[in-house]
Amino acid sequence: MRLVLRTEVDIAAPPEDVWQHLIDLRAYRAWNPFITEASGDVAVGERLTIRVQAGDRASTLRPTVTVADPGRVFEWIGQIGIPGLFSGRHRFELAPNGTGCRLVHSETFHGLLVRPLRRSLETATRAGFEAMNDALAHRVLVERAA
């Protein structure tokens, strides 16, 4: 089973400015309502520690960074349990647009647990993505104005 969640937000700042906030994992706890804690090095092959709050469910994950292309793409992949049970490829893509950049925030889920978790993923997890997108856009704008 496979499920793709995709959200987008336009941010009135260049990709490089948004990138700095995406990779400042330790600061997530100050502004991010979805990924409430994060640590690790943003470099391909490095393991991160991510605390995700989706609705009333919280979990800690240890994904591996698969892409760290400055100003463009930050991606990790993680799994729960044994291979084939549940995995997710979480991706942030930044692309310039006429007024700053567009953030595409997505995740592709695979595994046996996708079907029973589908409703929660499509509601609580999607809402978490959107809340994070909005909070990131706000944080970048506030920092630029300071």
N, C-alpha and C. Protein backbone atom coordinates (compact mmCIF):
# COMPACT_ATOMS: atom_id res chain seq x y z
N MET A 1 0.85 -1.19 0.00
CA MET A 1 0.00 0.00 0.00
C MET A 1 0.89 1.24 0.00
N ARG A 2 0.45 2.27 -0.71
CA ARG A 2 1.19 3.52 -0.83
C ARG A 2 0.22 4.68 -0.69
N LEU A 3 0.66 5.73 -0.01
CA LEU A 3 -0.13 6.95 0.14
C LEU A 3 0.82 8.13 0.06
N VAL A 4 0.44 9.14 -0.73
CA VAL A 4 1.23 10.36 -0.85
C VAL A 4 0.43 11.52 -0.26
N LEU A 5 1.03 12.24 0.69
CA LEU A 5 0.47 13.49 1.19
C LEU A 5 1.32 14.61 0.60
N ARG A 6 0.66 15.64 0.09
CA ARG A 6 1.39 16.76 -0.51
C ARG A 6 0.70 18.05 -0.12
N THR A 7 1.47 18.98 0.42
CA THR A 7 0.96 20.30 0.76
C THR A 7 1.91 21.33 0.16
N GLU A 8 1.42 22.53 -0.02
CA GLU A 8 2.23 23.60 -0.58
C GLU A 8 1.91 24.92 0.11
N VAL A 9 2.91 25.79 0.15
CA VAL A 9 2.70 27.14 0.65
C VAL A 9 3.70 28.06 -0.05
N ASP A 10 3.24 29.26 -0.40
CA ASP A 10 4.13 30.27 -0.94
C ASP A 10 4.65 31.12 0.21
N ILE A 11 5.95 31.37 0.20
CA ILE A 11 6.59 32.14 1.26
C ILE A 11 7.31 33.32 0.61
N ALA A 12 7.06 34.51 1.13
CA ALA A 12 7.62 35.74 0.56
C ALA A 12 9.07 35.93 1.02
N ALA A 13 9.90 34.98 0.65
CA ALA A 13 11.33 35.03 0.99
C ALA A 13 12.05 34.10 0.03
N PRO A 14 13.32 34.37 -0.25
CA PRO A 14 14.05 33.49 -1.14
C PRO A 14 14.28 32.11 -0.52
N PRO A 15 14.46 31.09 -1.37
CA PRO A 15 14.66 29.74 -0.85
C PRO A 15 15.78 29.63 0.18
N GLU A 16 16.84 30.39 0.00
CA GLU A 16 17.98 30.31 0.93
C GLU A 16 17.58 30.72 2.35
N ASP A 17 16.70 31.71 2.47
CA ASP A 17 16.24 32.14 3.80
C ASP A 17 15.37 31.06 4.45
N VAL A 18 14.48 30.46 3.68
CA VAL A 18 13.60 29.41 4.20
C VAL A 18 14.45 28.20 4.58
N TRP A 19 15.42 27.87 3.76
CA TRP A 19 16.31 26.73 4.01
C TRP A 19 16.96 26.84 5.39
N GLN A 20 17.41 28.02 5.75
CA GLN A 20 18.09 28.20 7.05
C GLN A 20 17.19 27.80 8.21
N HIS A 21 15.91 28.04 8.09
CA HIS A 21 14.97 27.65 9.15
C HIS A 21 14.65 26.16 9.11
N LEU A 22 14.60 25.59 7.91
CA LEU A 22 14.33 24.15 7.79
C LEU A 22 15.44 23.31 8.39
N ILE A 23 16.69 23.75 8.25
CA ILE A 23 17.80 22.93 8.73
C ILE A 23 18.21 23.25 10.16
N ASP A 24 17.61 24.28 10.76
CA ASP A 24 17.90 24.61 12.16
C ASP A 24 16.99 23.76 13.05
N LEU A 25 17.31 22.48 13.12
CA LEU A 25 16.45 21.51 13.80
C LEU A 25 16.23 21.84 15.27
N ARG A 26 17.25 22.31 15.94
CA ARG A 26 17.11 22.60 17.38
C ARG A 26 16.09 23.70 17.65
N ALA A 27 15.87 24.58 16.69
CA ALA A 27 14.91 25.67 16.87
C ALA A 27 13.46 25.22 16.64
N TYR A 28 13.25 24.03 16.11
CA TYR A 28 11.89 23.57 15.83
C TYR A 28 10.98 23.68 17.05
N ARG A 29 11.50 23.37 18.21
CA ARG A 29 10.64 23.39 19.40
C ARG A 29 10.07 24.78 19.67
N ALA A 30 10.73 25.83 19.18
CA ALA A 30 10.27 27.20 19.42
C ALA A 30 9.13 27.62 18.48
N TRP A 31 8.99 26.96 17.35
CA TRP A 31 8.01 27.44 16.38
C TRP A 31 7.17 26.37 15.70
N ASN A 32 7.60 25.12 15.73
CA ASN A 32 6.98 24.10 14.89
C ASN A 32 5.91 23.30 15.65
N PRO A 33 4.65 23.41 15.25
CA PRO A 33 3.59 22.68 15.95
C PRO A 33 3.49 21.21 15.54
N PHE A 34 4.16 20.80 14.48
CA PHE A 34 4.09 19.43 13.99
C PHE A 34 5.32 18.62 14.40
N ILE A 35 6.49 19.12 14.09
CA ILE A 35 7.73 18.47 14.53
C ILE A 35 8.20 19.26 15.73
N THR A 36 7.81 18.80 16.90
CA THR A 36 7.99 19.60 18.12
C THR A 36 9.40 19.53 18.69
N GLU A 37 10.17 18.55 18.28
CA GLU A 37 11.58 18.44 18.67
C GLU A 37 12.32 17.76 17.53
N ALA A 38 13.54 18.20 17.28
CA ALA A 38 14.36 17.57 16.25
C ALA A 38 15.82 17.83 16.55
N SER A 39 16.65 16.84 16.23
CA SER A 39 18.10 17.01 16.40
C SER A 39 18.81 16.10 15.40
N GLY A 40 20.08 16.41 15.22
CA GLY A 40 20.91 15.65 14.31
C GLY A 40 21.55 16.57 13.30
N ASP A 41 22.39 15.99 12.45
CA ASP A 41 23.09 16.75 11.42
C ASP A 41 22.37 16.59 10.10
N VAL A 42 22.12 17.70 9.43
CA VAL A 42 21.45 17.68 8.13
C VAL A 42 22.51 17.39 7.07
N ALA A 43 22.80 16.11 6.90
CA ALA A 43 23.78 15.65 5.91
C ALA A 43 23.36 14.25 5.49
N VAL A 44 23.53 13.94 4.22
CA VAL A 44 23.14 12.63 3.69
C VAL A 44 23.79 11.51 4.49
N GLY A 45 22.96 10.55 4.89
CA GLY A 45 23.42 9.39 5.65
C GLY A 45 23.33 9.56 7.16
N GLU A 46 23.11 10.78 7.64
CA GLU A 46 23.01 11.03 9.08
C GLU A 46 21.62 10.66 9.60
N ARG A 47 21.59 10.18 10.84
CA ARG A 47 20.32 9.85 11.51
C ARG A 47 19.85 11.06 12.30
N LEU A 48 18.58 11.34 12.20
CA LEU A 48 17.95 12.42 12.95
C LEU A 48 17.08 11.82 14.04
N THR A 49 16.76 12.63 15.04
CA THR A 49 15.74 12.27 16.02
C THR A 49 14.63 13.30 15.85
N ILE A 50 13.44 12.82 15.56
CA ILE A 50 12.30 13.68 15.24
C ILE A 50 11.14 13.31 16.15
N ARG A 51 10.55 14.29 16.80
CA ARG A 51 9.34 14.09 17.62
C ARG A 51 8.18 14.74 16.86
N VAL A 52 7.22 13.93 16.43
CA VAL A 52 6.10 14.38 15.63
C VAL A 52 4.83 14.37 16.47
N GLN A 53 4.06 15.46 16.36
CA GLN A 53 2.77 15.57 17.03
C GLN A 53 1.70 15.72 15.96
N ALA A 54 0.91 14.65 15.73
CA ALA A 54 -0.16 14.68 14.74
C ALA A 54 -1.48 14.43 15.46
N GLY A 55 -2.25 15.48 15.63
CA GLY A 55 -3.49 15.35 16.40
C GLY A 55 -3.15 15.03 17.84
N ASP A 56 -3.77 13.98 18.37
CA ASP A 56 -3.50 13.60 19.76
C ASP A 56 -2.44 12.50 19.85
N ARG A 57 -1.79 12.19 18.74
CA ARG A 57 -0.79 11.14 18.69
C ARG A 57 0.60 11.74 18.52
N ALA A 58 1.53 11.32 19.38
CA ALA A 58 2.92 11.78 19.28
C ALA A 58 3.82 10.55 19.12
N SER A 59 4.87 10.72 18.35
CA SER A 59 5.83 9.62 18.21
C SER A 59 7.22 10.18 17.94
N THR A 60 8.21 9.41 18.33
CA THR A 60 9.60 9.77 18.09
C THR A 60 10.15 8.82 17.04
N LEU A 61 10.77 9.40 16.04
CA LEU A 61 11.30 8.64 14.91
C LEU A 61 12.80 8.89 14.78
N ARG A 62 13.48 7.96 14.13
CA ARG A 62 14.93 8.08 13.89
C ARG A 62 15.21 7.90 12.40
N PRO A 63 14.77 8.85 11.57
CA PRO A 63 14.97 8.71 10.13
C PRO A 63 16.40 9.02 9.71
N THR A 64 16.71 8.64 8.48
CA THR A 64 18.02 8.90 7.88
C THR A 64 17.87 9.92 6.77
N VAL A 65 18.74 10.93 6.77
CA VAL A 65 18.73 11.96 5.74
C VAL A 65 19.15 11.34 4.41
N THR A 66 18.32 11.54 3.38
CA THR A 66 18.62 10.99 2.06
C THR A 66 18.97 12.08 1.04
N VAL A 67 18.52 13.31 1.27
CA VAL A 67 18.86 14.44 0.40
C VAL A 67 19.03 15.67 1.27
N ALA A 68 20.11 16.40 1.05
CA ALA A 68 20.34 17.69 1.71
C ALA A 68 20.99 18.61 0.67
N ASP A 69 20.17 19.15 -0.21
CA ASP A 69 20.62 20.01 -1.31
C ASP A 69 20.29 21.45 -0.91
N PRO A 70 21.27 22.20 -0.41
CA PRO A 70 21.02 23.53 0.17
C PRO A 70 20.16 24.44 -0.72
N GLY A 71 19.12 24.99 -0.09
CA GLY A 71 18.23 25.90 -0.77
C GLY A 71 17.23 25.23 -1.70
N ARG A 72 17.27 23.90 -1.78
CA ARG A 72 16.40 23.20 -2.72
C ARG A 72 15.61 22.05 -2.11
N VAL A 73 16.30 21.02 -1.55
CA VAL A 73 15.60 19.82 -1.10
C VAL A 73 16.21 19.30 0.20
N PHE A 74 15.35 19.00 1.15
CA PHE A 74 15.72 18.33 2.40
C PHE A 74 14.77 17.14 2.52
N GLU A 75 15.34 15.94 2.63
CA GLU A 75 14.51 14.74 2.65
C GLU A 75 15.10 13.71 3.61
N TRP A 76 14.20 12.96 4.25
CA TRP A 76 14.63 11.83 5.07
C TRP A 76 13.67 10.67 4.87
N ILE A 77 14.14 9.49 5.23
CA ILE A 77 13.30 8.31 5.20
C ILE A 77 13.40 7.60 6.54
N GLY A 78 12.25 7.17 7.02
CA GLY A 78 12.22 6.46 8.30
C GLY A 78 11.24 5.32 8.22
N GLN A 79 11.37 4.42 9.16
CA GLN A 79 10.42 3.30 9.21
C GLN A 79 10.11 2.95 10.65
N ILE A 80 8.98 2.33 10.81
CA ILE A 80 8.54 1.84 12.11
C ILE A 80 8.49 0.33 12.01
N GLY A 81 9.15 -0.33 12.96
CA GLY A 81 9.13 -1.79 12.97
C GLY A 81 9.98 -2.40 11.88
N ILE A 82 9.55 -3.55 11.44
CA ILE A 82 10.31 -4.30 10.45
C ILE A 82 10.07 -3.73 9.04
N PRO A 83 11.02 -3.93 8.12
CA PRO A 83 10.81 -3.46 6.75
C PRO A 83 9.50 -3.99 6.17
N GLY A 84 8.78 -3.10 5.48
CA GLY A 84 7.51 -3.48 4.88
C GLY A 84 6.30 -3.19 5.75
N LEU A 85 6.53 -2.89 7.02
CA LEU A 85 5.42 -2.60 7.92
C LEU A 85 4.91 -1.17 7.73
N PHE A 86 5.81 -0.19 7.84
CA PHE A 86 5.42 1.21 7.67
C PHE A 86 6.68 2.05 7.50
N SER A 87 6.76 2.77 6.39
CA SER A 87 7.88 3.68 6.17
C SER A 87 7.37 4.95 5.52
N GLY A 88 8.16 6.00 5.66
CA GLY A 88 7.79 7.27 5.06
C GLY A 88 9.00 8.01 4.55
N ARG A 89 8.87 8.57 3.36
CA ARG A 89 9.89 9.43 2.77
C ARG A 89 9.36 10.86 2.87
N HIS A 90 9.92 11.63 3.81
CA HIS A 90 9.47 12.99 4.12
C HIS A 90 10.33 13.95 3.32
N ARG A 91 9.71 14.91 2.64
CA ARG A 91 10.45 15.75 1.70
C ARG A 91 9.99 17.20 1.76
N PHE A 92 10.97 18.11 1.76
CA PHE A 92 10.72 19.54 1.64
C PHE A 92 11.42 20.00 0.37
N GLU A 93 10.67 20.59 -0.56
CA GLU A 93 11.25 21.11 -1.79
C GLU A 93 10.99 22.62 -1.84
N LEU A 94 12.02 23.38 -2.15
CA LEU A 94 11.92 24.82 -2.27
C LEU A 94 12.20 25.22 -3.72
N ALA A 95 11.32 26.04 -4.29
CA ALA A 95 11.51 26.51 -5.66
C ALA A 95 11.19 27.99 -5.73
N PRO A 96 12.06 28.78 -6.35
CA PRO A 96 11.77 30.21 -6.48
C PRO A 96 10.48 30.43 -7.25
N ASN A 97 9.77 31.48 -6.86
CA ASN A 97 8.62 31.92 -7.64
C ASN A 97 8.71 33.44 -7.73
N GLY A 98 7.73 34.09 -8.28
CA GLY A 98 7.82 35.53 -8.50
C GLY A 98 7.94 36.37 -7.25
N THR A 99 7.48 35.88 -6.09
CA THR A 99 7.47 36.69 -4.88
C THR A 99 8.34 36.12 -3.76
N GLY A 100 9.07 35.09 -4.03
CA GLY A 100 9.89 34.44 -3.00
C GLY A 100 10.11 33.00 -3.39
N CYS A 101 9.42 32.09 -2.70
CA CYS A 101 9.54 30.67 -3.07
C CYS A 101 8.28 29.91 -2.70
N ARG A 102 8.17 28.75 -3.29
CA ARG A 102 7.10 27.82 -2.96
C ARG A 102 7.74 26.64 -2.23
N LEU A 103 7.15 26.29 -1.08
CA LEU A 103 7.55 25.10 -0.34
C LEU A 103 6.55 24.00 -0.67
N VAL A 104 7.04 22.88 -1.16
CA VAL A 104 6.23 21.67 -1.31
C VAL A 104 6.68 20.73 -0.21
N HIS A 105 5.77 20.43 0.68
CA HIS A 105 6.03 19.60 1.86
C HIS A 105 5.22 18.32 1.65
N SER A 106 5.93 17.19 1.52
CA SER A 106 5.22 15.96 1.19
C SER A 106 5.81 14.77 1.93
N GLU A 107 5.06 13.69 1.90
CA GLU A 107 5.56 12.43 2.41
C GLU A 107 4.87 11.30 1.65
N THR A 108 5.68 10.32 1.29
CA THR A 108 5.17 9.11 0.65
C THR A 108 5.30 7.97 1.65
N PHE A 109 4.16 7.40 2.00
CA PHE A 109 4.11 6.31 2.97
C PHE A 109 3.96 4.98 2.24
N HIS A 110 4.62 3.95 2.76
CA HIS A 110 4.54 2.59 2.21
C HIS A 110 4.36 1.61 3.36
N GLY A 111 3.75 0.47 3.07
CA GLY A 111 3.72 -0.62 4.02
C GLY A 111 2.33 -1.10 4.39
N LEU A 112 2.34 -2.18 5.15
CA LEU A 112 1.10 -2.82 5.55
C LEU A 112 0.21 -1.96 6.44
N LEU A 113 0.81 -1.06 7.21
CA LEU A 113 0.01 -0.23 8.13
C LEU A 113 -0.59 1.01 7.47
N VAL A 114 -0.25 1.26 6.22
CA VAL A 114 -0.79 2.45 5.56
C VAL A 114 -2.31 2.38 5.48
N ARG A 115 -2.85 1.25 5.09
CA ARG A 115 -4.31 1.13 4.95
C ARG A 115 -5.03 1.40 6.28
N PRO A 116 -4.68 0.74 7.38
CA PRO A 116 -5.40 1.05 8.63
C PRO A 116 -5.14 2.45 9.17
N LEU A 117 -4.01 3.07 8.79
CA LEU A 117 -3.69 4.41 9.27
C LEU A 117 -4.10 5.51 8.29
N ARG A 118 -4.64 5.13 7.16
CA ARG A 118 -4.91 6.09 6.09
C ARG A 118 -5.73 7.30 6.55
N ARG A 119 -6.82 7.07 7.25
CA ARG A 119 -7.68 8.18 7.68
C ARG A 119 -6.91 9.15 8.57
N SER A 120 -6.16 8.63 9.52
CA SER A 120 -5.36 9.48 10.41
C SER A 120 -4.29 10.25 9.64
N LEU A 121 -3.66 9.58 8.69
CA LEU A 121 -2.64 10.25 7.88
C LEU A 121 -3.24 11.38 7.05
N GLU A 122 -4.40 11.11 6.47
CA GLU A 122 -5.03 12.11 5.60
C GLU A 122 -5.66 13.27 6.37
N THR A 123 -5.91 13.08 7.65
CA THR A 123 -6.51 14.16 8.44
C THR A 123 -5.47 14.78 9.38
N ALA A 124 -5.09 14.06 10.42
CA ALA A 124 -4.20 14.63 11.44
C ALA A 124 -2.81 14.93 10.89
N THR A 125 -2.26 14.02 10.12
CA THR A 125 -0.91 14.26 9.60
C THR A 125 -0.93 15.39 8.57
N ARG A 126 -1.91 15.39 7.67
CA ARG A 126 -2.01 16.49 6.70
C ARG A 126 -2.17 17.83 7.43
N ALA A 127 -3.01 17.86 8.46
CA ALA A 127 -3.19 19.09 9.24
C ALA A 127 -1.87 19.52 9.88
N GLY A 128 -1.09 18.55 10.34
CA GLY A 128 0.22 18.86 10.90
C GLY A 128 1.15 19.47 9.88
N PHE A 129 1.16 18.93 8.67
CA PHE A 129 1.98 19.50 7.59
C PHE A 129 1.57 20.95 7.34
N GLU A 130 0.27 21.17 7.22
CA GLU A 130 -0.22 22.52 6.93
C GLU A 130 0.10 23.50 8.05
N ALA A 131 -0.03 23.04 9.30
CA ALA A 131 0.32 23.90 10.44
C ALA A 131 1.81 24.23 10.43
N MET A 132 2.64 23.24 10.12
CA MET A 132 4.07 23.50 10.04
C MET A 132 4.38 24.48 8.91
N ASN A 133 3.76 24.29 7.75
CA ASN A 133 3.99 25.20 6.62
C ASN A 133 3.66 26.64 7.02
N ASP A 134 2.50 26.83 7.62
CA ASP A 134 2.08 28.18 8.03
C ASP A 134 3.02 28.76 9.07
N ALA A 135 3.43 27.94 10.04
CA ALA A 135 4.34 28.42 11.09
C ALA A 135 5.70 28.76 10.51
N LEU A 136 6.18 27.98 9.56
CA LEU A 136 7.46 28.27 8.92
C LEU A 136 7.38 29.58 8.14
N ALA A 137 6.32 29.75 7.37
CA ALA A 137 6.16 30.99 6.60
C ALA A 137 6.14 32.20 7.54
N HIS A 138 5.42 32.08 8.64
CA HIS A 138 5.35 33.16 9.62
C HIS A 138 6.72 33.44 10.23
N ARG A 139 7.42 32.39 10.64
CA ARG A 139 8.74 32.55 11.26
C ARG A 139 9.72 33.24 10.31
N VAL A 140 9.73 32.82 9.06
CA VAL A 140 10.64 33.42 8.08
C VAL A 140 10.33 34.91 7.90
N LEU A 141 9.06 35.25 7.80
CA LEU A 141 8.67 36.65 7.61
C LEU A 141 9.02 37.50 8.83
N VAL A 142 8.79 36.96 10.02
CA VAL A 142 9.13 37.70 11.24
C VAL A 142 10.63 37.93 11.33
N GLU A 143 11.42 36.90 11.03
CA GLU A 143 12.88 37.03 11.06
C GLU A 143 13.38 38.03 10.03
N ARG A 144 12.78 38.05 8.87
CA ARG A 144 13.19 38.99 7.81
C ARG A 144 12.86 40.42 8.21
N ALA A 145 11.75 40.60 8.95
CA ALA A 145 11.33 41.95 9.34
C ALA A 145 12.16 42.48 10.51
N ALA A 146 12.79 41.59 11.26
CA ALA A 146 13.55 42.02 12.45
C ALA A 146 14.86 42.69 12.10
